[in-house]
N, C-alpha and C. Protein backbone atom coordinates (compact mmCIF):
# COMPACT_ATOMS: atom_id res chain seq x y z
N UNK A 1 0.80 -1.10 -0.08
CA UNK A 1 -0.05 0.20 -0.04
C UNK A 1 0.46 1.29 -0.20
N UNK A 2 0.61 2.09 -0.94
CA UNK A 2 1.50 3.27 -1.08
C UNK A 2 0.94 4.45 -0.06
N UNK A 3 1.52 4.97 0.50
CA UNK A 3 0.69 6.31 1.23
C UNK A 3 1.96 7.52 1.21
N UNK A 4 1.00 8.48 0.90
CA UNK A 4 2.04 9.76 0.89
C UNK A 4 2.44 10.00 2.44
N UNK A 5 3.52 10.95 2.67
CA UNK A 5 4.17 11.46 4.03
C UNK A 5 3.09 12.24 4.86
N UNK A 6 2.36 12.80 3.78
CA UNK A 6 1.16 13.80 4.63
C UNK A 6 -0.02 12.50 4.89
N UNK A 7 -0.48 11.83 4.32
CA UNK A 7 -1.20 10.75 5.20
C UNK A 7 -0.68 10.11 6.19
N UNK A 8 0.41 9.78 6.34
CA UNK A 8 1.36 9.37 7.44
C UNK A 8 1.47 10.29 8.73
N UNK A 9 1.29 11.29 8.41
CA UNK A 9 1.61 12.50 9.31
C UNK A 9 0.25 12.50 10.00
N UNK A 10 -0.85 12.58 9.28
CA UNK A 10 -2.25 12.26 9.67
C UNK A 10 -2.43 11.37 10.46
N UNK A 11 -2.12 10.18 10.20
CA UNK A 11 -2.35 8.83 10.84
C UNK A 11 -1.91 8.63 12.09
N UNK A 12 -0.24 9.67 12.16
CA UNK A 12 0.25 9.44 13.54
C UNK A 12 -0.54 10.39 14.19
N UNK A 13 -1.23 11.41 14.04
CA UNK A 13 -2.02 12.26 14.86
C UNK A 13 -3.33 11.68 15.42
N UNK A 14 -3.90 11.11 14.40
CA UNK A 14 -5.22 10.66 14.50
C UNK A 14 -5.13 9.32 15.40
N UNK A 15 -4.16 8.17 15.12
CA UNK A 15 -4.10 7.09 16.10
C UNK A 15 -3.57 7.60 17.05
N UNK A 16 -3.97 7.26 18.85
CA UNK A 16 -3.36 7.12 19.71
C UNK A 16 -2.02 6.30 19.79
N UNK A 17 -2.30 5.25 19.40
CA UNK A 17 -1.21 4.17 19.53
C UNK A 17 0.17 4.72 18.53
N UNK A 18 -0.23 5.47 17.63
CA UNK A 18 0.93 6.38 16.67
C UNK A 18 1.42 7.59 17.21
N UNK A 19 1.01 7.94 18.02
CA UNK A 19 1.35 9.72 18.19
C UNK A 19 2.80 9.32 18.64
N UNK A 20 3.29 8.29 19.28
CA UNK A 20 4.83 8.53 19.79
C UNK A 20 5.77 8.01 18.51
N UNK A 21 5.34 7.70 17.36
CA UNK A 21 6.00 7.51 16.33
C UNK A 21 6.81 8.69 15.57
N UNK A 22 6.14 9.81 15.30
CA UNK A 22 7.05 10.90 14.86
C UNK A 22 7.76 11.63 15.77
N UNK A 23 7.85 11.56 17.12
CA UNK A 23 8.94 12.10 17.91
C UNK A 23 9.95 11.27 18.22
N UNK A 24 9.74 9.82 18.00
CA UNK A 24 10.65 8.64 17.84
C UNK A 24 11.59 8.83 16.60
N UNK A 25 10.76 8.91 15.49
CA UNK A 25 11.78 9.17 14.12
C UNK A 25 12.71 10.64 14.44
N UNK A 26 11.98 11.53 14.77
CA UNK A 26 12.70 12.82 15.10
C UNK A 26 13.96 12.63 16.11
N UNK A 27 14.04 11.70 17.14
CA UNK A 27 14.88 11.46 18.29
C UNK A 27 15.84 10.29 17.19
N UNK A 28 15.52 9.26 16.56
CA UNK A 28 16.18 8.57 16.03
C UNK A 28 17.11 9.16 14.93
N UNK A 29 16.44 10.42 14.09
CA UNK A 29 17.26 10.93 12.97
C UNK A 29 18.29 11.81 13.81
N UNK A 30 18.44 11.95 14.89
CA UNK A 30 19.31 12.94 15.67
C UNK A 30 20.58 11.97 16.38
N UNK A 31 20.15 10.70 16.35
CA UNK A 31 21.15 10.17 16.96
C UNK A 31 22.73 9.75 16.36
N UNK A 32 23.87 10.22 16.90
CA UNK A 32 25.05 10.21 16.64
C UNK A 32 25.45 8.92 16.54
N UNK A 33 25.25 8.03 15.74
CA UNK A 33 25.33 6.53 15.52
C UNK A 33 27.12 5.86 15.55
N UNK A 34 27.31 5.35 16.51
CA UNK A 34 28.69 4.62 16.41
C UNK A 34 29.78 5.73 16.75
N UNK A 35 29.37 6.78 16.95
CA UNK A 35 30.95 7.68 17.51
C UNK A 35 31.56 7.22 18.85
N UNK A 36 31.20 6.40 19.67
CA UNK A 36 32.14 5.98 20.94
C UNK A 36 32.67 4.59 20.72
N UNK A 37 32.68 3.95 19.39
CA UNK A 37 32.95 2.85 19.45
C UNK A 37 34.52 2.48 19.53
N UNK A 38 34.68 1.48 20.63
CA UNK A 38 36.19 1.28 20.85
C UNK A 38 36.59 2.24 22.19
N UNK A 39 35.96 3.32 22.36
CA UNK A 39 36.41 3.95 23.42
C UNK A 39 36.19 3.70 24.59
N UNK A 40 36.79 4.44 25.71
CA UNK A 40 36.85 4.38 26.98
C UNK A 40 34.91 4.66 27.33
N UNK A 41 34.69 3.73 28.33
CA UNK A 41 33.29 3.73 28.76
C UNK A 41 32.98 4.71 29.89
N UNK A 42 32.00 5.48 30.09
CA UNK A 42 31.51 6.27 30.89
C UNK A 42 30.53 5.47 32.09
N UNK A 43 30.50 5.96 33.19
CA UNK A 43 29.48 5.23 34.09
C UNK A 43 28.13 4.91 33.67
N UNK A 44 27.46 5.89 32.99
CA UNK A 44 26.25 5.83 32.61
C UNK A 44 25.97 5.10 31.48
N UNK A 45 26.66 4.86 30.91
CA UNK A 45 26.75 3.66 29.69
C UNK A 45 26.94 2.37 30.43
N UNK A 46 27.65 2.00 31.45
CA UNK A 46 27.68 0.91 32.26
C UNK A 46 26.35 0.66 32.84
N UNK A 47 25.87 1.59 33.55
CA UNK A 47 24.51 1.63 34.33
C UNK A 47 23.38 0.84 32.98
N UNK A 48 23.38 1.83 31.75
CA UNK A 48 22.49 1.32 30.82
C UNK A 48 22.54 0.04 30.60
N UNK A 49 23.83 -0.62 30.47
CA UNK A 49 24.22 -2.05 29.89
C UNK A 49 23.67 -3.00 31.10
N UNK A 50 23.80 -2.26 32.33
CA UNK A 50 23.32 -3.29 33.36
C UNK A 50 21.96 -3.46 33.37
N UNK A 51 21.25 -2.50 33.36
CA UNK A 51 19.98 -2.15 33.32
C UNK A 51 19.17 -2.97 32.45
N UNK A 52 19.79 -3.13 30.82
CA UNK A 52 19.37 -3.76 29.61
C UNK A 52 19.50 -5.35 30.48
N UNK A 53 20.37 -5.82 30.54
CA UNK A 53 20.72 -7.19 30.96
C UNK A 53 19.93 -7.60 31.72
N UNK A 54 19.55 -6.72 33.27
CA UNK A 54 18.75 -7.37 33.94
C UNK A 54 17.24 -7.32 33.48
N UNK A 55 16.71 -6.25 32.71
CA UNK A 55 15.23 -6.13 31.95
C UNK A 55 15.19 -7.28 30.99
N UNK A 56 16.37 -7.74 30.46
CA UNK A 56 15.74 -8.43 29.52
C UNK A 56 15.98 -10.16 30.40
N UNK A 57 16.09 -10.02 31.64
CA UNK A 57 16.24 -11.28 32.30
C UNK A 57 17.54 -12.03 32.61
N UNK A 58 18.84 -11.20 32.55
CA UNK A 58 20.14 -11.74 32.50
C UNK A 58 20.87 -11.10 33.60
N UNK A 59 20.72 -10.87 34.88
CA UNK A 59 21.16 -9.97 35.76
C UNK A 59 22.90 -10.52 35.75
N UNK A 60 23.02 -11.97 35.67
CA UNK A 60 24.44 -12.27 35.95
C UNK A 60 25.14 -11.73 34.54
N UNK A 61 24.77 -11.11 33.73
CA UNK A 61 25.64 -10.67 32.60
C UNK A 61 26.24 -9.62 32.85
N UNK A 62 27.32 -9.26 32.76
CA UNK A 62 27.89 -8.32 32.96
C UNK A 62 28.74 -7.60 31.70
N UNK A 63 28.39 -6.24 31.49
CA UNK A 63 28.75 -5.66 30.37
C UNK A 63 30.03 -6.08 30.11
N UNK A 64 30.57 -6.39 29.12
CA UNK A 64 32.18 -6.43 28.60
C UNK A 64 32.22 -5.24 27.49
N UNK A 65 33.21 -4.36 27.48
CA UNK A 65 33.49 -3.47 26.58
C UNK A 65 34.44 -3.71 25.75
N UNK A 66 34.37 -3.83 24.33
CA UNK A 66 35.65 -4.04 23.61
C UNK A 66 36.41 -3.17 23.04
N UNK A 67 37.36 -3.15 23.16
CA UNK A 67 38.16 -1.75 22.60
C UNK A 67 38.59 -2.31 20.99
N UNK A 68 38.54 -3.22 20.57
CA UNK A 68 39.01 -3.75 19.24
C UNK A 68 38.02 -4.31 18.35
N UNK A 69 38.07 -3.72 17.00
CA UNK A 69 36.64 -4.11 16.22
C UNK A 69 36.98 -5.45 15.84
N UNK A 70 38.13 -6.11 15.63
CA UNK A 70 38.11 -7.39 15.24
C UNK A 70 37.55 -8.49 16.48
N UNK A 71 38.14 -7.98 17.57
CA UNK A 71 37.21 -8.62 18.58
C UNK A 71 35.77 -8.59 18.57
N UNK A 72 35.27 -7.28 18.30
CA UNK A 72 33.66 -6.98 18.26
C UNK A 72 33.04 -7.74 16.81
N UNK A 73 33.92 -7.73 15.93
CA UNK A 73 33.43 -8.90 14.58
C UNK A 73 33.38 -9.92 14.90
N UNK A 74 34.03 -10.72 15.63
CA UNK A 74 34.46 -12.09 16.01
C UNK A 74 33.22 -12.50 16.94
N UNK A 75 32.84 -11.47 17.85
CA UNK A 75 31.89 -11.71 18.70
C UNK A 75 30.25 -11.58 18.23
N UNK A 76 30.06 -10.81 17.24
CA UNK A 76 28.96 -10.77 16.25
C UNK A 76 28.66 -11.91 15.65
N UNK A 77 29.94 -12.60 15.08
CA UNK A 77 29.84 -13.94 14.12
C UNK A 77 29.42 -15.00 14.95
N UNK A 78 30.10 -14.98 16.40
CA UNK A 78 29.56 -16.07 17.33
C UNK A 78 28.58 -15.89 17.99
N UNK A 79 27.80 -14.84 17.87
CA UNK A 79 26.51 -14.54 18.90
C UNK A 79 25.54 -15.57 18.31
N UNK A 80 25.10 -16.62 19.20
CA UNK A 80 24.17 -17.56 18.57
C UNK A 80 22.71 -17.09 18.40
N UNK A 81 22.42 -17.35 17.64
CA UNK A 81 21.00 -16.94 16.65
C UNK A 81 19.63 -17.36 17.95
N UNK A 82 19.95 -18.60 18.42
CA UNK A 82 18.98 -19.17 18.96
C UNK A 82 19.27 -19.12 20.46
N UNK A 83 20.34 -18.35 20.91
CA UNK A 83 20.90 -18.16 22.42
C UNK A 83 19.63 -17.69 23.03
N UNK A 84 19.70 -18.09 24.65
CA UNK A 84 18.60 -17.65 25.40
C UNK A 84 18.23 -15.95 25.45
N UNK A 85 19.30 -15.27 25.42
CA UNK A 85 19.17 -13.83 25.27
C UNK A 85 18.53 -13.29 23.72
N UNK A 86 18.63 -14.21 22.79
CA UNK A 86 18.10 -13.83 21.56
C UNK A 86 16.58 -14.27 21.40
N UNK A 87 16.49 -15.70 22.17
CA UNK A 87 14.96 -16.03 22.27
C UNK A 87 14.29 -15.14 23.04
N UNK A 88 14.78 -14.38 24.35
CA UNK A 88 13.95 -13.61 25.26
C UNK A 88 13.62 -12.20 24.18
N UNK A 89 14.24 -11.70 23.41
CA UNK A 89 14.37 -10.44 22.59
C UNK A 89 13.43 -10.99 21.82
N UNK A 90 13.02 -12.03 21.28
CA UNK A 90 12.01 -12.59 19.90
C UNK A 90 10.81 -12.43 20.66
N UNK A 91 10.61 -13.09 22.21
CA UNK A 91 9.32 -13.29 22.58
C UNK A 91 9.16 -11.86 23.03
N UNK A 92 10.10 -11.05 23.38
CA UNK A 92 9.21 -9.54 23.47
C UNK A 92 8.68 -8.62 22.27
N UNK A 93 9.77 -9.02 21.18
CA UNK A 93 9.18 -8.34 20.03
C UNK A 93 7.81 -8.77 19.49
N UNK A 94 7.51 -10.35 19.72
CA UNK A 94 6.12 -10.77 19.33
C UNK A 94 5.18 -10.17 19.97
N UNK A 95 5.58 -10.01 21.57
CA UNK A 95 4.55 -9.69 22.59
C UNK A 95 4.31 -8.02 22.09
N UNK A 96 4.98 -7.44 21.83
CA UNK A 96 5.01 -5.63 21.17
C UNK A 96 4.20 -6.00 20.09
N UNK A 97 4.49 -6.74 18.97
CA UNK A 97 3.67 -6.90 17.86
C UNK A 97 2.24 -6.85 17.95
N UNK A 98 2.15 -8.12 19.09
CA UNK A 98 0.77 -8.30 19.09
C UNK A 98 -0.02 -7.39 19.84
N UNK A 99 0.56 -6.41 21.03
CA UNK A 99 -0.18 -5.16 21.52
C UNK A 99 -0.25 -4.64 20.52
N UNK A 100 0.65 -3.94 19.68
CA UNK A 100 0.26 -2.84 18.23
C UNK A 100 -0.90 -3.47 17.43
N UNK A 101 -0.81 -4.58 17.27
CA UNK A 101 -2.11 -5.30 16.46
C UNK A 101 -3.61 -5.08 17.32
N UNK A 102 -3.39 -4.64 18.56
CA UNK A 102 -4.79 -4.94 19.12
C UNK A 102 -5.55 -3.58 18.98
N UNK A 103 -4.55 -2.54 18.55
CA UNK A 103 -5.09 -1.34 17.96
C UNK A 103 -4.73 -0.75 16.81
N UNK A 104 -3.99 -1.66 16.11
CA UNK A 104 -3.84 -1.27 14.32
C UNK A 104 -3.97 -2.52 13.34
N UNK A 105 -4.31 -2.56 12.31
CA UNK A 105 -4.43 -3.84 11.50
C UNK A 105 -3.18 -3.73 11.17
N UNK A 106 -2.96 -4.98 10.66
CA UNK A 106 -1.53 -5.58 10.08
C UNK A 106 -0.95 -4.66 8.98
N UNK A 107 -1.73 -4.43 8.01
CA UNK A 107 -1.41 -3.61 6.78
C UNK A 107 -0.77 -2.23 7.29
N UNK A 108 -1.26 -1.64 8.36
CA UNK A 108 -1.00 -0.37 8.88
C UNK A 108 0.47 -0.51 9.48
N UNK A 109 0.43 -1.53 10.55
CA UNK A 109 1.68 -1.67 11.48
C UNK A 109 2.96 -1.85 10.34
N UNK A 110 2.51 -2.70 9.45
CA UNK A 110 3.75 -2.72 8.69
C UNK A 110 4.02 -1.40 7.89
N UNK A 111 3.26 -0.97 7.31
CA UNK A 111 3.57 0.34 6.75
C UNK A 111 4.20 1.39 7.48
N UNK A 112 3.81 1.42 8.71
CA UNK A 112 4.69 2.20 9.52
C UNK A 112 5.98 2.08 10.00
N UNK A 113 6.10 0.39 10.36
CA UNK A 113 7.50 0.08 10.37
C UNK A 113 8.57 0.13 9.40
N UNK A 114 7.71 -0.06 8.03
CA UNK A 114 8.86 0.23 6.83
C UNK A 114 8.96 1.74 7.04
N UNK A 115 8.24 2.78 7.14
CA UNK A 115 8.43 4.03 7.52
C UNK A 115 9.76 4.43 8.36
N UNK A 116 9.62 3.90 9.51
CA UNK A 116 10.49 3.89 10.55
C UNK A 116 11.66 3.37 10.10
N UNK A 117 11.92 2.25 9.31
CA UNK A 117 13.41 1.67 8.80
C UNK A 117 13.66 2.36 7.64
N UNK A 118 12.78 3.13 6.63
CA UNK A 118 13.08 3.81 5.70
C UNK A 118 13.58 5.38 6.00
N UNK A 119 12.73 5.81 7.24
CA UNK A 119 13.53 6.93 7.76
C UNK A 119 14.73 7.07 8.64
N UNK A 120 15.14 5.87 8.88
CA UNK A 120 16.38 5.72 9.59
C UNK A 120 17.62 5.22 9.22
N UNK A 121 17.19 4.09 8.22
CA UNK A 121 18.47 3.18 7.78
C UNK A 121 19.55 3.97 6.90
N UNK A 122 19.05 4.93 6.21
CA UNK A 122 20.20 5.58 5.48
C UNK A 122 20.98 6.09 6.36
N UNK A 123 20.78 6.91 7.22
CA UNK A 123 21.59 7.47 8.52
C UNK A 123 22.57 6.78 9.06
N UNK A 124 21.81 5.83 9.36
CA UNK A 124 22.52 4.40 10.41
C UNK A 124 23.79 4.19 9.21
N UNK A 125 23.46 3.52 8.08
CA UNK A 125 24.49 3.19 7.05
C UNK A 125 25.47 4.07 6.70
N UNK A 126 24.93 5.11 6.75
CA UNK A 126 26.29 6.23 6.36
C UNK A 126 27.11 6.48 7.65
N UNK A 127 26.61 6.45 8.59
CA UNK A 127 27.51 6.41 10.24
C UNK A 127 28.13 5.36 10.34
N UNK A 128 27.84 4.19 9.93
CA UNK A 128 28.54 2.75 9.94
C UNK A 128 29.77 2.97 9.26
N UNK A 129 29.31 3.60 7.88
CA UNK A 129 30.36 3.76 7.03
C UNK A 129 31.65 4.52 7.62
N UNK A 130 30.85 5.72 7.98
CA UNK A 130 31.83 6.68 8.25
C UNK A 130 32.92 6.31 9.77
N UNK A 131 32.33 5.49 10.88
CA UNK A 131 32.77 4.87 11.65
C UNK A 131 34.07 3.85 11.22
N UNK A 132 33.73 3.35 10.23
CA UNK A 132 34.49 2.26 9.73
C UNK A 132 35.95 2.94 9.06
N UNK A 133 35.41 4.17 8.52
CA UNK A 133 36.76 4.87 8.00
C UNK A 133 37.50 5.50 8.87
N UNK A 134 36.78 5.84 10.07
CA UNK A 134 37.69 6.46 11.07
C UNK A 134 38.52 5.54 11.78
N UNK A 135 37.82 4.41 11.82
CA UNK A 135 38.68 3.20 12.78
C UNK A 135 39.62 2.28 11.76
N UNK A 136 39.46 3.06 10.61
CA UNK A 136 40.20 2.24 9.46
C UNK A 136 40.15 0.62 9.28
N UNK A 137 38.65 0.34 9.50
CA UNK A 137 38.21 -1.04 9.13
C UNK A 137 37.65 -1.02 7.76
N UNK A 138 38.06 -1.91 7.12
CA UNK A 138 38.09 -2.20 5.80
C UNK A 138 37.38 -3.44 5.43
N UNK A 139 36.36 -3.79 5.86
CA UNK A 139 35.34 -4.92 6.06
C UNK A 139 33.88 -4.49 5.70
N UNK A 140 33.41 -4.72 4.68
CA UNK A 140 32.17 -4.50 4.53
C UNK A 140 30.85 -5.27 5.41
N UNK A 141 31.42 -6.60 5.79
CA UNK A 141 30.64 -7.14 6.56
C UNK A 141 30.65 -6.53 7.95
N UNK A 142 31.51 -5.69 8.46
CA UNK A 142 31.37 -5.01 9.61
C UNK A 142 30.48 -4.07 9.69
N UNK A 143 30.31 -3.36 8.39
CA UNK A 143 29.41 -2.21 8.08
C UNK A 143 27.87 -2.64 8.12
N UNK A 144 27.85 -3.80 7.63
CA UNK A 144 26.66 -4.46 7.41
C UNK A 144 25.69 -4.90 8.77
N UNK A 145 26.83 -5.38 9.65
CA UNK A 145 26.66 -5.88 11.01
C UNK A 145 26.03 -4.81 11.65
N UNK A 146 26.85 -3.97 11.81
CA UNK A 146 26.92 -2.73 12.72
C UNK A 146 25.35 -2.16 12.39
N UNK A 147 25.33 -1.41 11.35
CA UNK A 147 23.94 -0.85 10.80
C UNK A 147 22.75 -1.75 10.79
N UNK A 148 22.84 -3.15 10.45
CA UNK A 148 21.86 -4.01 10.75
C UNK A 148 21.27 -4.14 12.06
N UNK A 149 22.49 -4.42 12.98
CA UNK A 149 21.98 -4.10 14.40
C UNK A 149 20.96 -3.00 15.13
N UNK A 150 21.92 -1.82 14.46
CA UNK A 150 21.26 -0.49 14.68
C UNK A 150 19.76 -0.04 13.97
N UNK A 151 19.48 -0.55 12.95
CA UNK A 151 18.24 -0.84 12.38
C UNK A 151 17.13 -1.47 13.22
N UNK A 152 17.48 -2.65 13.30
CA UNK A 152 16.74 -3.68 14.36
C UNK A 152 16.41 -3.03 15.86
N UNK A 153 17.46 -2.18 16.36
CA UNK A 153 17.28 -1.71 17.50
C UNK A 153 16.14 -0.59 17.51
N UNK A 154 16.18 0.23 16.18
CA UNK A 154 15.66 1.03 15.95
C UNK A 154 13.91 0.73 15.70
N UNK A 155 13.66 -0.51 14.88
CA UNK A 155 12.84 -1.08 14.92
C UNK A 155 11.83 -1.67 16.20
N UNK A 156 12.80 -2.35 17.03
CA UNK A 156 12.54 -2.92 18.25
C UNK A 156 11.55 -1.47 19.38
N UNK A 157 12.57 -0.28 19.32
CA UNK A 157 12.40 0.74 20.26
C UNK A 157 11.05 1.60 19.61
N UNK A 158 10.78 1.22 18.24
CA UNK A 158 9.55 2.27 17.66
C UNK A 158 8.56 1.26 17.78
N UNK A 159 8.59 0.01 18.21
CA UNK A 159 7.46 -0.93 18.49
C UNK A 159 7.19 -0.54 20.19
N UNK A 160 8.32 -0.54 20.81
CA UNK A 160 8.40 -0.02 22.16
C UNK A 160 7.47 1.33 22.42
N UNK A 161 7.81 2.10 21.78
CA UNK A 161 7.04 3.76 21.76
C UNK A 161 5.43 3.71 21.61
N UNK A 162 5.34 2.88 20.39
CA UNK A 162 3.88 2.92 19.83
C UNK A 162 3.19 2.22 20.77
N UNK A 163 3.63 1.05 21.69
CA UNK A 163 2.77 0.49 22.63
C UNK A 163 2.85 0.92 23.85
N UNK A 164 3.40 2.00 24.24
CA UNK A 164 3.79 2.73 25.50
C UNK A 164 4.18 2.13 26.39
N UNK A 165 5.41 1.03 25.90
CA UNK A 165 6.17 0.38 27.15
C UNK A 165 6.86 1.42 28.04
N UNK A 166 7.15 0.95 28.97
CA UNK A 166 7.91 1.92 30.10
C UNK A 166 9.34 2.18 29.36
N UNK A 167 10.06 3.15 30.24
CA UNK A 167 11.19 3.38 30.31
C UNK A 167 12.38 2.66 30.29
N UNK A 168 12.12 1.42 31.18
CA UNK A 168 12.88 0.42 31.50
C UNK A 168 12.72 -0.79 30.68
N UNK A 169 12.00 -0.72 29.23
CA UNK A 169 11.69 -1.64 28.77
C UNK A 169 13.09 -2.27 28.29
N UNK A 170 13.59 -3.51 27.95
CA UNK A 170 14.71 -3.60 27.28
C UNK A 170 15.01 -3.01 25.98
N UNK A 171 14.12 -3.03 25.17
CA UNK A 171 14.22 -2.41 23.65
C UNK A 171 14.40 -0.80 24.20
N UNK A 172 14.05 -0.26 24.88
CA UNK A 172 14.33 1.09 25.13
C UNK A 172 15.59 1.36 25.63
N UNK A 173 15.95 0.19 26.61
CA UNK A 173 17.54 0.61 26.91
C UNK A 173 18.48 0.10 25.88
N UNK A 174 18.39 -0.75 25.13
CA UNK A 174 19.02 -1.14 24.06
C UNK A 174 19.37 -0.05 23.24
N UNK A 175 18.28 0.89 22.43
CA UNK A 175 18.48 1.56 22.19
C UNK A 175 19.12 2.99 22.49
N UNK A 176 18.91 3.16 23.92
CA UNK A 176 20.10 3.94 24.63
C UNK A 176 21.41 4.20 24.37
N UNK A 177 21.33 2.61 24.09
CA UNK A 177 23.08 2.20 24.29
C UNK A 177 23.54 2.68 22.76
N UNK A 178 22.56 2.42 21.83
CA UNK A 178 23.11 2.93 20.16
C UNK A 178 23.06 4.72 20.46
N UNK A 179 22.39 5.31 21.16
CA UNK A 179 22.14 6.67 21.28
C UNK A 179 23.63 7.10 21.95
N UNK A 180 24.31 6.41 22.87
CA UNK A 180 25.76 6.72 23.46
C UNK A 180 26.42 6.43 22.67
N UNK A 181 26.23 5.88 21.22
CA UNK A 181 27.16 5.81 20.18
C UNK A 181 27.92 4.43 20.48
N UNK A 182 27.32 3.68 20.95
CA UNK A 182 28.02 2.13 21.14
C UNK A 182 27.22 0.76 20.20
N UNK A 183 27.42 -0.23 20.02
CA UNK A 183 27.07 -1.03 19.31
C UNK A 183 26.78 -2.41 20.50
N UNK A 184 25.85 -2.35 20.84
CA UNK A 184 25.36 -3.65 22.10
C UNK A 184 25.48 -5.16 21.10
N UNK A 185 26.47 -5.75 21.50
CA UNK A 185 26.44 -7.03 20.07
C UNK A 185 25.43 -8.07 20.93
N UNK A 186 25.74 -8.39 21.93
CA UNK A 186 24.67 -9.14 22.75
C UNK A 186 25.30 -10.09 23.94
N UNK A 187 24.35 -10.99 24.39
CA UNK A 187 24.60 -11.43 25.66
C UNK A 187 25.17 -12.88 25.56
N UNK A 188 26.26 -13.27 25.65
CA UNK A 188 26.93 -14.68 25.68
C UNK A 188 27.28 -15.21 26.80
N UNK A 189 26.76 -16.37 27.46
CA UNK A 189 27.20 -16.61 28.75
C UNK A 189 26.64 -15.56 30.04
N UNK A 190 27.74 -14.96 30.74
CA UNK A 190 27.62 -14.19 31.87
C UNK A 190 28.41 -12.92 31.32
N UNK A 191 28.61 -12.82 29.87
CA UNK A 191 29.09 -11.36 29.48
C UNK A 191 27.91 -10.64 28.54
N UNK A 192 27.89 -9.53 28.76
CA UNK A 192 26.97 -8.75 27.42
C UNK A 192 28.01 -7.87 26.92
N UNK A 193 28.27 -8.41 25.79
CA UNK A 193 29.45 -7.73 24.89
C UNK A 193 28.89 -6.43 23.96
N UNK A 194 29.67 -5.57 24.29
CA UNK A 194 29.44 -4.25 23.35
C UNK A 194 30.69 -3.75 22.84
N UNK A 195 30.66 -3.09 21.76
CA UNK A 195 31.67 -2.47 21.06
C UNK A 195 31.39 -0.84 21.27
């Protein structure tokens, strides 16, 4: 279904569940993606990482910040798709999708989420390429992995916003780690790996 931006703006205003989408898109458009990859970490970022792991149900997973991009790339490759943390995120995504479908039809939800992805993916990919150049990373797969993770986090956070999730929802916290310029790779065992 094709829809004009003006029609989307009207939809965002008219639908109570979608009123949070436009402000979220503005926020996501102003994120300085990947600006602190590999840098020293501040206390707020550590606290966010701990809060995410706790909220996801893995309080024993302590944040492990990586300084080397090759180590981060290896960690991303070795993150199991069907790991317990991945499964927990998938269950949360499914729950939020069901919540959104309580107030929106499937076609409208798909259209809105496509709009969110299109509205952010170009800036995210450009930021990933810029970060790779600055860090002298000549690996296209690295750029795809970082930008793909950020687009996914934006999608998840948009779902959380439109369903009225609390500020301590794991998807809100994960997005905030991206806002801090990081790449939260995933929880493996007792470590929450972050670049």
